[in-house]
């Protein structure tokens, strides 16, 4: 293909190696064309001069994609000729590859579409939803851009189908025609907004949202800019929208004039570990699990531990998760004179080994729509602590089935940690109640009940809408 590249700055320099060798760059486009003149031995055109050049697509390699696209549209460039870089890469990979065949025998075929299947909260929500539905006899296919090999084995063993669709979320009409073979689509996470909107024209869609606000992450901001043509609540009228928690619901409703239809949390497979505390425990292991970043509050835990006094037991703090902020990691290392271990990203077996050692699971986040690590802690009958800015806090009564403290309140966190240290062997009732909470709200059976209810409502709403 003949390409025009809009942008000559850092974005282009960072991504240019990913441009396909089979495509030819005819020229560059930049609003500063008169200053630049030429770039990498190619002429640089001002947008107003584009029509002088023969091209197949303009690839926008700049962060201000929405405004650039509008600028090009205003000077008469057809919208179909303008691609952002991610869309260009995705389209070049357009394909369907069935990796696994679903083994369900239900009269309903369910399509689950999600972000790439890695070991993170959103992706695992899709996996666990598929597990729950497959156990109820539904025929379930998951479609994603790519998947971790360990997760592929989980799907294989469960009889869940897997289709690799590298160009997601940039589906077109041909893709929609293929997906029409399903009775309903469960579209997972907000970045799949384009998929939800396009599929809802032909298939009942239940869209399950997990994202937090743009205060600490930019899921909404980045997605809305990238898929701005779908950033319109009127396009959601034929979609049933679910949120994983009240926090996720409030975030969505603060942006769109469209109410969330229902709330249901994730569920996880019961892989509980024995966690009966021994009387001679000499070292208490606190742990946070998740990306190492300011919004996750790991430094708050360190500072709270520093306030502990006269401990008869050693305290160790394990930080498990990917490094999301190098400067924050540096601060953690510099500020700590304690037994703090940065475990990094662990595989499945390594994580199980660490879970056996952990006494207390802490979620110190300043905003989190649920908190899967605390759900797992409850499953394991662990003592769990969370801030009040998490979705899981809705399910915890402070001092009964866990502890809740105000996000950022290091002194209160320290008091709760001190209490646990002093009364570790007296908290069996709390551990049992934590397990009860898991069984009441977060098992795969409960998740299956919730999704089955929503499937029927989604199909009924879709049918009624199309019969109007």
Protein backbone atom coordinates (compact mmCIF):
# COMPACT_ATOMS: atom_id res chain seq x y z
CA UNK A 1 0.00 0.00 0.00
CA UNK A 2 1.02 3.61 -0.58
CA UNK A 3 1.10 5.46 2.73
CA UNK A 4 1.25 9.04 3.88
CA UNK A 5 2.52 9.35 7.44
CA UNK A 6 1.02 12.20 9.45
CA UNK A 7 3.61 13.03 12.10
CA UNK A 8 7.39 13.26 12.30
CA UNK A 9 7.89 13.40 16.06
CA UNK A 10 8.50 11.04 18.96
CA UNK A 11 5.50 8.83 18.20
CA UNK A 12 6.79 8.10 14.71
CA UNK A 13 10.35 7.53 15.90
CA UNK A 14 9.15 5.05 18.51
CA UNK A 15 6.84 3.09 16.21
CA UNK A 16 8.34 3.34 12.73
CA UNK A 17 10.03 -0.08 12.91
CA UNK A 18 6.58 -1.65 13.10
CA UNK A 19 5.48 -0.32 9.71
CA UNK A 20 5.15 -3.15 7.23
CA UNK A 21 7.99 -3.65 4.75
CA UNK A 22 5.40 -4.37 2.07
CA UNK A 23 3.97 -0.85 2.40
CA UNK A 24 5.65 2.19 0.89
CA UNK A 25 5.87 5.60 2.53
CA UNK A 26 5.18 8.11 -0.25
CA UNK A 27 5.62 11.22 1.91
CA UNK A 28 5.06 12.74 5.34
CA UNK A 29 2.36 15.17 6.44
CA UNK A 30 2.81 17.77 9.16
CA UNK A 31 1.28 21.12 10.06
CA UNK A 32 4.86 22.43 10.28
CA UNK A 33 5.69 21.34 6.74
CA UNK A 34 7.11 24.73 5.76
CA UNK A 35 9.61 24.54 8.63
CA UNK A 36 10.56 20.89 8.11
CA UNK A 37 10.75 20.74 4.31
CA UNK A 38 11.88 17.12 4.05
CA UNK A 39 12.18 14.23 6.48
CA UNK A 40 14.01 10.93 6.03
CA UNK A 41 14.57 11.82 2.36
CA UNK A 42 10.83 12.28 1.81
CA UNK A 43 8.91 15.49 1.14
CA UNK A 44 6.78 16.80 3.99
CA UNK A 45 3.41 18.14 2.88
CA UNK A 46 1.08 20.49 4.70
CA UNK A 47 -2.36 18.85 5.13
CA UNK A 48 -3.83 21.28 2.59
CA UNK A 49 -1.46 19.84 -0.05
CA UNK A 50 -2.32 16.16 0.46
CA UNK A 51 -4.53 15.90 -2.61
CA UNK A 52 -1.45 16.39 -4.79
CA UNK A 53 -0.20 12.95 -3.73
CA UNK A 54 -1.49 9.50 -4.69
CA UNK A 55 -1.98 7.32 -1.60
CA UNK A 56 -4.05 4.47 -0.21
CA UNK A 57 -4.10 5.51 3.46
CA UNK A 58 -2.95 8.29 5.75
CA UNK A 59 -1.51 6.78 8.92
CA UNK A 60 -1.74 9.17 11.87
CA UNK A 61 1.38 8.68 13.99
CA UNK A 62 0.75 11.36 16.58
CA UNK A 63 -1.07 11.46 19.92
CA UNK A 64 -3.63 14.10 18.93
CA UNK A 65 -5.42 11.64 16.70
CA UNK A 66 -8.97 12.94 17.08
CA UNK A 67 -8.15 16.55 16.11
CA UNK A 68 -5.92 15.46 13.24
CA UNK A 69 -8.63 13.22 11.88
CA UNK A 70 -11.16 16.05 12.08
CA UNK A 71 -8.70 18.38 10.34
CA UNK A 72 -8.25 15.90 7.49
CA UNK A 73 -11.97 15.31 7.25
CA UNK A 74 -12.61 19.06 7.02
CA UNK A 75 -10.30 19.40 4.01
CA UNK A 76 -12.12 16.64 2.17
CA UNK A 77 -10.17 13.47 2.97
CA UNK A 78 -12.49 10.47 3.08
CA UNK A 79 -12.78 9.04 6.59
CA UNK A 80 -12.07 5.51 5.34
CA UNK A 81 -8.64 6.67 4.15
CA UNK A 82 -7.52 7.79 7.63
CA UNK A 83 -6.16 5.26 10.12
CA UNK A 84 -4.51 5.67 13.47
CA UNK A 85 -1.36 3.60 13.89
CA UNK A 86 -2.94 0.89 16.02
CA UNK A 87 -5.80 0.49 13.55
CA UNK A 88 -3.31 0.23 10.68
CA UNK A 89 -1.35 -2.51 12.46
CA UNK A 90 -4.53 -4.36 13.40
CA UNK A 91 -5.99 -4.26 9.91
CA UNK A 92 -2.73 -5.58 8.48
CA UNK A 93 -3.17 -8.60 10.75
CA UNK A 94 -6.83 -9.20 9.88
CA UNK A 95 -7.47 -12.91 10.29
CA UNK A 96 -9.42 -15.53 12.20
CA UNK A 97 -7.65 -18.54 13.62
CA UNK A 98 -9.60 -21.08 15.63
CA UNK A 99 -7.26 -22.51 18.24
CA UNK A 100 -9.77 -24.48 20.33
CA UNK A 101 -13.23 -25.89 19.64
CA UNK A 102 -15.94 -25.39 22.27
CA UNK A 103 -17.34 -28.59 23.77
CA UNK A 104 -20.57 -27.25 25.26
CA UNK A 105 -23.83 -28.79 24.05
CA UNK A 106 -26.27 -26.02 24.94
CA UNK A 107 -28.83 -24.70 22.50
CA UNK A 108 -27.28 -21.27 23.16
CA UNK A 109 -23.93 -20.34 21.64
CA UNK A 110 -22.17 -17.57 23.53
CA UNK A 111 -19.40 -15.37 22.19
CA UNK A 112 -17.07 -13.71 24.71
CA UNK A 113 -14.92 -10.92 23.28
CA UNK A 114 -12.22 -9.39 25.43
CA UNK A 115 -8.83 -7.79 25.65
CA UNK A 116 -5.79 -10.10 25.17
CA UNK A 117 -5.86 -13.00 27.62
CA UNK A 118 -3.11 -12.27 30.11
CA UNK A 119 -3.09 -12.72 33.86
CA UNK A 120 -4.78 -9.43 34.73
CA UNK A 121 -8.14 -8.59 36.26
CA UNK A 122 -10.15 -7.74 33.15
CA UNK A 123 -8.93 -10.67 31.07
CA UNK A 124 -9.35 -13.18 33.90
CA UNK A 125 -12.91 -11.94 34.41
CA UNK A 126 -13.63 -13.05 30.83
CA UNK A 127 -11.92 -16.41 31.41
CA UNK A 128 -13.84 -17.06 34.62
CA UNK A 129 -17.14 -16.01 33.03
CA UNK A 130 -16.46 -18.51 30.25
CA UNK A 131 -15.62 -21.23 32.77
CA UNK A 132 -18.83 -20.54 34.69
CA UNK A 133 -21.01 -20.68 31.57
CA UNK A 134 -19.29 -23.78 30.17
CA UNK A 135 -19.98 -25.62 33.42
CA UNK A 136 -23.66 -24.82 32.91
CA UNK A 137 -23.52 -26.52 29.51
CA UNK A 138 -23.30 -23.48 27.24
CA UNK A 139 -21.14 -23.58 24.13
CA UNK A 140 -18.67 -20.73 24.68
CA UNK A 141 -16.07 -19.24 22.35
CA UNK A 142 -13.63 -16.57 23.53
CA UNK A 143 -12.31 -14.26 20.83
CA UNK A 144 -9.21 -12.16 21.57
CA UNK A 145 -6.23 -10.64 19.77
CA UNK A 146 -3.81 -13.00 21.51
CA UNK A 147 -3.59 -15.23 24.58
CA UNK A 148 -1.01 -16.41 27.09
CA UNK A 149 -0.09 -20.07 26.58
CA UNK A 150 -0.95 -20.95 30.19
CA UNK A 151 -4.44 -19.50 29.77
CA UNK A 152 -4.88 -21.41 26.52
CA UNK A 153 -4.31 -24.60 28.51
CA UNK A 154 -6.94 -23.55 31.05
CA UNK A 155 -9.43 -23.05 28.21
CA UNK A 156 -8.45 -26.33 26.56
CA UNK A 157 -9.00 -28.31 29.76
CA UNK A 158 -12.37 -26.63 30.33
CA UNK A 159 -13.68 -27.23 26.81
CA UNK A 160 -13.89 -23.52 25.95
CA UNK A 161 -13.41 -22.49 22.34
CA UNK A 162 -10.74 -19.95 21.41
CA UNK A 163 -10.55 -17.80 18.29
CA UNK A 164 -7.56 -15.54 17.75
CA UNK A 165 -8.56 -12.35 15.96
CA UNK A 166 -5.42 -10.14 15.85
CA UNK A 167 -7.23 -7.08 14.50
CA UNK A 168 -9.51 -6.65 17.53
CA UNK A 169 -11.07 -4.27 18.39
CA UNK A 170 -11.12 -2.97 14.80
CA UNK A 171 -13.91 -5.18 13.49
CA UNK A 172 -15.71 -4.53 10.21
CA UNK A 173 -18.92 -5.74 8.59
CA UNK A 174 -17.35 -9.04 7.51
CA UNK A 175 -16.48 -9.77 11.15
CA UNK A 176 -20.00 -8.90 12.28
CA UNK A 177 -21.40 -11.32 9.69
CA UNK A 178 -19.31 -14.11 11.23
CA UNK A 179 -20.26 -13.22 14.80
CA UNK A 180 -23.97 -13.26 13.94
CA UNK A 181 -23.82 -17.03 14.30
CA UNK A 182 -23.96 -16.60 18.10
CA UNK A 183 -27.06 -16.15 20.25
CA UNK A 184 -25.45 -13.45 22.39
CA UNK A 185 -22.12 -11.67 22.79
CA UNK A 186 -20.58 -10.88 26.17
CA UNK A 187 -18.27 -7.96 25.37
CA UNK A 188 -15.76 -7.48 28.15
CA UNK A 189 -14.08 -4.16 29.16
CA UNK A 190 -14.58 -0.57 27.97
CA UNK A 191 -11.79 -0.56 25.32
CA UNK A 192 -14.03 -2.92 23.32
CA UNK A 193 -16.52 -0.06 22.75
CA UNK A 194 -16.29 -0.37 18.97
CA UNK A 195 -17.02 -4.10 19.13
CA UNK A 196 -20.00 -3.58 21.45
CA UNK A 197 -21.53 -0.90 19.22
CA UNK A 198 -21.02 -2.73 15.93
CA UNK A 199 -22.20 -6.13 17.17
CA UNK A 200 -25.29 -4.67 18.86
CA UNK A 201 -26.71 -3.88 15.42
CA UNK A 202 -27.03 -7.59 14.68
CA UNK A 203 -26.55 -9.56 17.93
CA UNK A 204 -27.75 -9.16 21.54
CA UNK A 205 -24.83 -7.63 23.46
CA UNK A 206 -24.10 -7.63 27.19
CA UNK A 207 -21.22 -5.21 27.82
CA UNK A 208 -19.38 -5.77 31.13
CA UNK A 209 -17.31 -2.82 32.40
CA UNK A 210 -14.44 -2.95 34.90
CA UNK A 211 -12.52 0.30 34.41
CA UNK A 212 -11.64 2.95 36.97
CA UNK A 213 -11.62 6.69 36.31
CA UNK A 214 -8.96 8.69 34.47
CA UNK A 215 -7.64 10.04 37.76
CA UNK A 216 -4.97 7.35 37.92
CA UNK A 217 -5.43 5.44 34.66
CA UNK A 218 -6.48 6.54 31.20
CA UNK A 219 -8.65 3.68 29.97
CA UNK A 220 -11.58 5.97 29.28
CA UNK A 221 -9.60 8.94 27.93
CA UNK A 222 -7.46 6.86 25.57
CA UNK A 223 -10.34 4.71 24.36
CA UNK A 224 -12.68 7.64 23.77
CA UNK A 225 -10.04 9.44 21.73
CA UNK A 226 -9.09 6.37 19.73
CA UNK A 227 -12.69 5.33 19.03
CA UNK A 228 -14.26 8.77 19.06
CA UNK A 229 -16.84 7.83 16.43
CA UNK A 230 -18.38 5.50 19.02
CA UNK A 231 -18.11 7.96 21.91
CA UNK A 232 -21.83 8.65 21.91
CA UNK A 233 -24.31 7.28 24.44
CA UNK A 234 -27.04 7.06 21.79
CA UNK A 235 -25.06 4.21 20.20
CA UNK A 236 -25.47 2.20 23.42
CA UNK A 237 -29.28 2.10 23.28
CA UNK A 238 -29.38 -1.48 22.03
CA UNK A 239 -26.75 -2.71 24.51
CA UNK A 240 -27.33 -4.01 28.03
CA UNK A 241 -24.51 -2.58 30.13
CA UNK A 242 -23.23 -4.16 33.34
CA UNK A 243 -20.61 -2.92 35.79
CA UNK A 244 -18.41 -4.98 38.06
CA UNK A 245 -19.06 -2.69 41.05
CA UNK A 246 -20.67 0.55 42.17
CA UNK A 247 -17.37 2.35 41.56
CA UNK A 248 -17.25 1.12 37.95
CA UNK A 249 -20.91 2.14 37.56
CA UNK A 250 -20.30 5.65 38.87
CA UNK A 251 -17.29 6.18 36.61
CA UNK A 252 -19.26 5.28 33.49
CA UNK A 253 -22.28 7.35 34.47
CA UNK A 254 -20.09 10.38 35.19
CA UNK A 255 -19.11 10.36 31.50
CA UNK A 256 -22.24 9.25 29.66
CA UNK A 257 -25.91 10.15 29.90
CA UNK A 258 -26.72 6.48 30.04
CA UNK A 259 -27.43 4.46 33.15
CA UNK A 260 -25.78 1.15 33.92
CA UNK A 261 -28.40 -1.61 33.74
CA UNK A 262 -26.98 -3.91 36.41
CA UNK A 263 -24.03 -4.65 38.67
CA UNK A 264 -22.46 -8.05 39.18
CA UNK A 265 -18.93 -8.82 40.39
CA UNK A 266 -16.41 -11.28 39.07
CA UNK A 267 -16.32 -14.87 40.21
CA UNK A 268 -13.27 -17.10 40.55
CA UNK A 269 -12.71 -20.82 40.53
CA UNK A 270 -12.38 -22.28 44.01
CA UNK A 271 -8.69 -23.12 44.29
CA UNK A 272 -8.44 -22.40 47.99
CA UNK A 273 -5.31 -23.15 49.96
CA UNK A 274 -5.14 -24.22 53.58
CA UNK A 275 -4.41 -21.15 55.68
CA UNK A 276 -4.86 -22.35 59.26
CA UNK A 277 -2.47 -20.26 61.34
CA UNK A 278 -0.02 -22.08 63.58
CA UNK A 279 0.57 -20.90 67.16
CA UNK A 280 4.31 -20.64 66.62
CA UNK A 281 4.17 -18.29 63.60
CA UNK A 282 7.21 -16.07 64.14
CA UNK A 283 7.05 -14.10 60.89
CA UNK A 284 3.90 -12.45 59.57
CA UNK A 285 3.80 -11.99 55.82
CA UNK A 286 1.82 -9.05 54.47
CA UNK A 287 1.36 -8.86 50.71
CA UNK A 288 -0.01 -6.62 48.00
CA UNK A 289 -0.66 -8.07 44.56
CA UNK A 290 -0.87 -5.81 41.52
CA UNK A 291 1.06 -3.33 39.43
CA UNK A 292 3.66 -1.37 41.39
CA UNK A 293 2.48 2.23 40.95
CA UNK A 294 1.44 5.22 43.11
CA UNK A 295 -2.28 4.49 42.69
CA UNK A 296 -1.75 1.04 44.23
CA UNK A 297 -0.36 2.48 47.47
CA UNK A 298 2.50 0.06 48.15
CA UNK A 299 4.54 2.88 49.69
CA UNK A 300 1.70 3.54 52.15
CA UNK A 301 2.03 -0.03 53.40
CA UNK A 302 5.77 0.39 53.93
CA UNK A 303 5.25 3.64 55.84
CA UNK A 304 2.54 2.02 57.96
CA UNK A 305 4.80 -0.92 58.81
CA UNK A 306 7.47 1.56 59.93
CA UNK A 307 5.04 2.85 62.57
CA UNK A 308 4.67 -0.58 64.18
CA UNK A 309 6.32 -0.94 67.58
CA UNK A 310 7.34 -3.61 70.07
CA UNK A 311 6.59 -6.49 67.75
CA UNK A 312 7.14 -9.97 69.11
CA UNK A 313 7.02 -11.26 65.56
CA UNK A 314 9.03 -10.47 62.46
CA UNK A 315 7.17 -8.70 59.67
CA UNK A 316 7.80 -9.31 55.99
CA UNK A 317 6.13 -7.41 53.16
CA UNK A 318 5.89 -9.01 49.71
CA UNK A 319 5.11 -6.82 46.71
CA UNK A 320 3.91 -9.03 43.87
CA UNK A 321 3.30 -7.58 40.42
CA UNK A 322 4.78 -5.83 37.42
CA UNK A 323 6.67 -2.57 37.80
CA UNK A 324 4.36 0.10 36.43
CA UNK A 325 6.37 3.11 37.55
CA UNK A 326 10.18 3.00 37.77
CA UNK A 327 10.43 6.15 39.91
CA UNK A 328 7.92 4.73 42.38
CA UNK A 329 9.88 1.47 42.58
CA UNK A 330 12.99 3.51 43.34
CA UNK A 331 11.18 5.33 46.16
CA UNK A 332 10.08 2.00 47.62
CA UNK A 333 13.63 0.69 47.64
CA UNK A 334 15.06 3.90 49.08
CA UNK A 335 12.48 4.31 51.82
CA UNK A 336 12.55 0.79 53.13
CA UNK A 337 14.77 -0.59 55.84
CA UNK A 338 12.34 -3.45 56.31
CA UNK A 339 12.06 -6.96 54.97
CA UNK A 340 10.48 -5.91 51.69
CA UNK A 341 10.73 -8.18 48.68
CA UNK A 342 9.76 -7.10 45.18
CA UNK A 343 8.68 -10.42 43.72
CA UNK A 344 7.83 -9.11 40.25
CA UNK A 345 5.48 -10.95 37.90
CA UNK A 346 4.92 -14.58 38.89
CA UNK A 347 3.67 -17.50 36.86
CA UNK A 348 0.76 -19.59 38.08
CA UNK A 349 2.82 -22.10 40.10
CA UNK A 350 4.99 -19.37 41.64
CA UNK A 351 1.91 -17.42 42.69
CA UNK A 352 0.39 -20.48 44.36
CA UNK A 353 3.65 -20.99 46.27
CA UNK A 354 3.57 -17.37 47.48
CA UNK A 355 -0.11 -17.56 48.45
CA UNK A 356 0.75 -20.35 50.87
CA UNK A 357 3.19 -18.04 52.68
CA UNK A 358 0.93 -14.98 52.91
CA UNK A 359 -0.90 -14.27 56.17
CA UNK A 360 -2.52 -10.94 55.27
CA UNK A 361 -3.62 -9.62 51.86
CA UNK A 362 -3.64 -5.83 51.56
CA UNK A 363 -5.21 -3.65 48.89
CA UNK A 364 -3.91 -0.11 49.47
CA UNK A 365 -5.32 1.31 46.22
CA UNK A 366 -6.53 4.87 45.86
CA UNK A 367 -9.08 3.66 43.33
CA UNK A 368 -9.91 0.14 42.20
CA UNK A 369 -13.22 -1.05 40.85
CA UNK A 370 -13.05 -4.40 42.67
CA UNK A 371 -9.74 -6.05 43.72
CA UNK A 372 -9.23 -9.60 42.60
CA UNK A 373 -6.36 -10.22 45.04
CA UNK A 374 -8.69 -9.63 48.01
CA UNK A 375 -11.32 -11.92 46.46
CA UNK A 376 -8.61 -14.60 46.23
CA UNK A 377 -7.56 -13.83 49.80
CA UNK A 378 -11.13 -14.39 51.00
CA UNK A 379 -11.26 -17.62 49.02
CA UNK A 380 -8.12 -18.71 50.90
CA UNK A 381 -9.62 -17.64 54.27
CA UNK A 382 -6.94 -14.97 54.67
CA UNK A 383 -7.11 -11.80 56.72
CA UNK A 384 -7.81 -9.07 54.17
CA UNK A 385 -7.43 -5.30 54.38
CA UNK A 386 -8.66 -2.82 51.79
CA UNK A 387 -9.08 0.91 51.40
CA UNK A 388 -12.54 2.45 51.15
CA UNK A 389 -11.87 3.37 47.50
CA UNK A 390 -12.25 -0.16 46.16
CA UNK A 391 -15.25 -2.09 44.93
CA UNK A 392 -14.46 -4.96 47.29
CA UNK A 393 -14.97 -2.63 50.27
CA UNK A 394 -18.74 -2.94 49.64
CA UNK A 395 -18.50 -6.55 50.76
CA UNK A 396 -16.37 -6.06 53.89
CA UNK A 397 -17.62 -5.03 57.32
CA UNK A 398 -14.66 -3.53 59.15
CA UNK A 399 -13.47 -5.82 61.92
CA UNK A 400 -15.89 -8.63 61.00
CA UNK A 401 -14.83 -10.32 57.74
CA UNK A 402 -11.82 -8.11 57.10
CA UNK A 403 -10.64 -4.55 57.61
CA UNK A 404 -11.39 -1.31 55.76
CA UNK A 405 -9.53 1.99 56.14
CA UNK A 406 -9.61 5.37 54.42
CA UNK A 407 -7.28 5.44 51.41
CA UNK A 408 -4.02 7.18 52.27
CA UNK A 409 -4.61 7.05 56.05
CA UNK A 410 -1.30 5.48 57.04
CA UNK A 411 -1.89 5.82 60.78
CA UNK A 412 -5.15 3.88 60.67
CA UNK A 413 -3.57 1.23 58.46
CA UNK A 414 -0.72 0.90 60.97
CA UNK A 415 -3.20 0.42 63.82
CA UNK A 416 -4.96 -2.36 61.94
CA UNK A 417 -1.68 -4.06 61.10
CA UNK A 418 -0.63 -3.81 64.76
CA UNK A 419 -3.93 -5.34 65.85
CA UNK A 420 -3.44 -8.26 63.46
CA UNK A 421 0.10 -8.85 64.72
CA UNK A 422 -1.05 -8.82 68.34
CA UNK A 423 -4.10 -11.05 67.76
CA UNK A 424 -3.07 -13.21 64.81
CA UNK A 425 -4.08 -16.47 66.47
CA UNK A 426 -7.43 -15.08 67.63
CA UNK A 427 -8.83 -14.23 64.20
CA UNK A 428 -10.21 -17.58 63.04
CA UNK A 429 -13.76 -16.20 63.09
CA UNK A 430 -12.73 -13.38 60.73
CA UNK A 431 -11.07 -15.88 58.41
CA UNK A 432 -14.21 -18.02 58.35
CA UNK A 433 -16.40 -15.00 57.62
CA UNK A 434 -14.05 -13.96 54.81
CA UNK A 435 -14.49 -17.40 53.28
CA UNK A 436 -18.27 -17.11 53.75
CA UNK A 437 -18.18 -13.83 51.81
CA UNK A 438 -16.38 -15.52 48.93
CA UNK A 439 -18.94 -18.33 48.88
CA UNK A 440 -21.87 -15.90 48.97
CA UNK A 441 -20.73 -13.51 46.23
CA UNK A 442 -17.68 -14.65 44.26
CA UNK A 443 -17.87 -18.33 43.30
CA UNK A 444 -18.23 -19.43 39.69
CA UNK A 445 -21.74 -20.70 40.48
CA UNK A 446 -22.79 -17.25 41.67
CA UNK A 447 -21.19 -15.69 38.59
CA UNK A 448 -23.04 -18.16 36.34
CA UNK A 449 -26.34 -17.28 38.06
CA UNK A 450 -25.71 -13.58 37.49
CA UNK A 451 -24.72 -13.94 33.85
CA UNK A 452 -27.57 -16.35 33.03
CA UNK A 453 -30.05 -13.84 34.42
CA UNK A 454 -28.49 -11.05 32.37
CA UNK A 455 -28.34 -13.18 29.22
CA UNK A 456 -32.10 -13.66 29.30
CA UNK A 457 -32.73 -9.95 29.95
CA UNK A 458 -30.29 -8.97 27.20
CA UNK A 459 -31.96 -11.23 24.63
CA UNK A 460 -35.45 -10.08 25.68
CA UNK A 461 -34.47 -6.41 25.45
CA UNK A 462 -32.84 -6.93 22.06
CA UNK A 463 -35.88 -8.78 20.72
CA UNK A 464 -38.30 -6.15 22.01
CA UNK A 465 -36.19 -3.34 20.56
CA UNK A 466 -36.11 -4.93 17.10
CA UNK A 467 -39.83 -5.68 17.16
CA UNK A 468 -40.72 -2.03 17.80
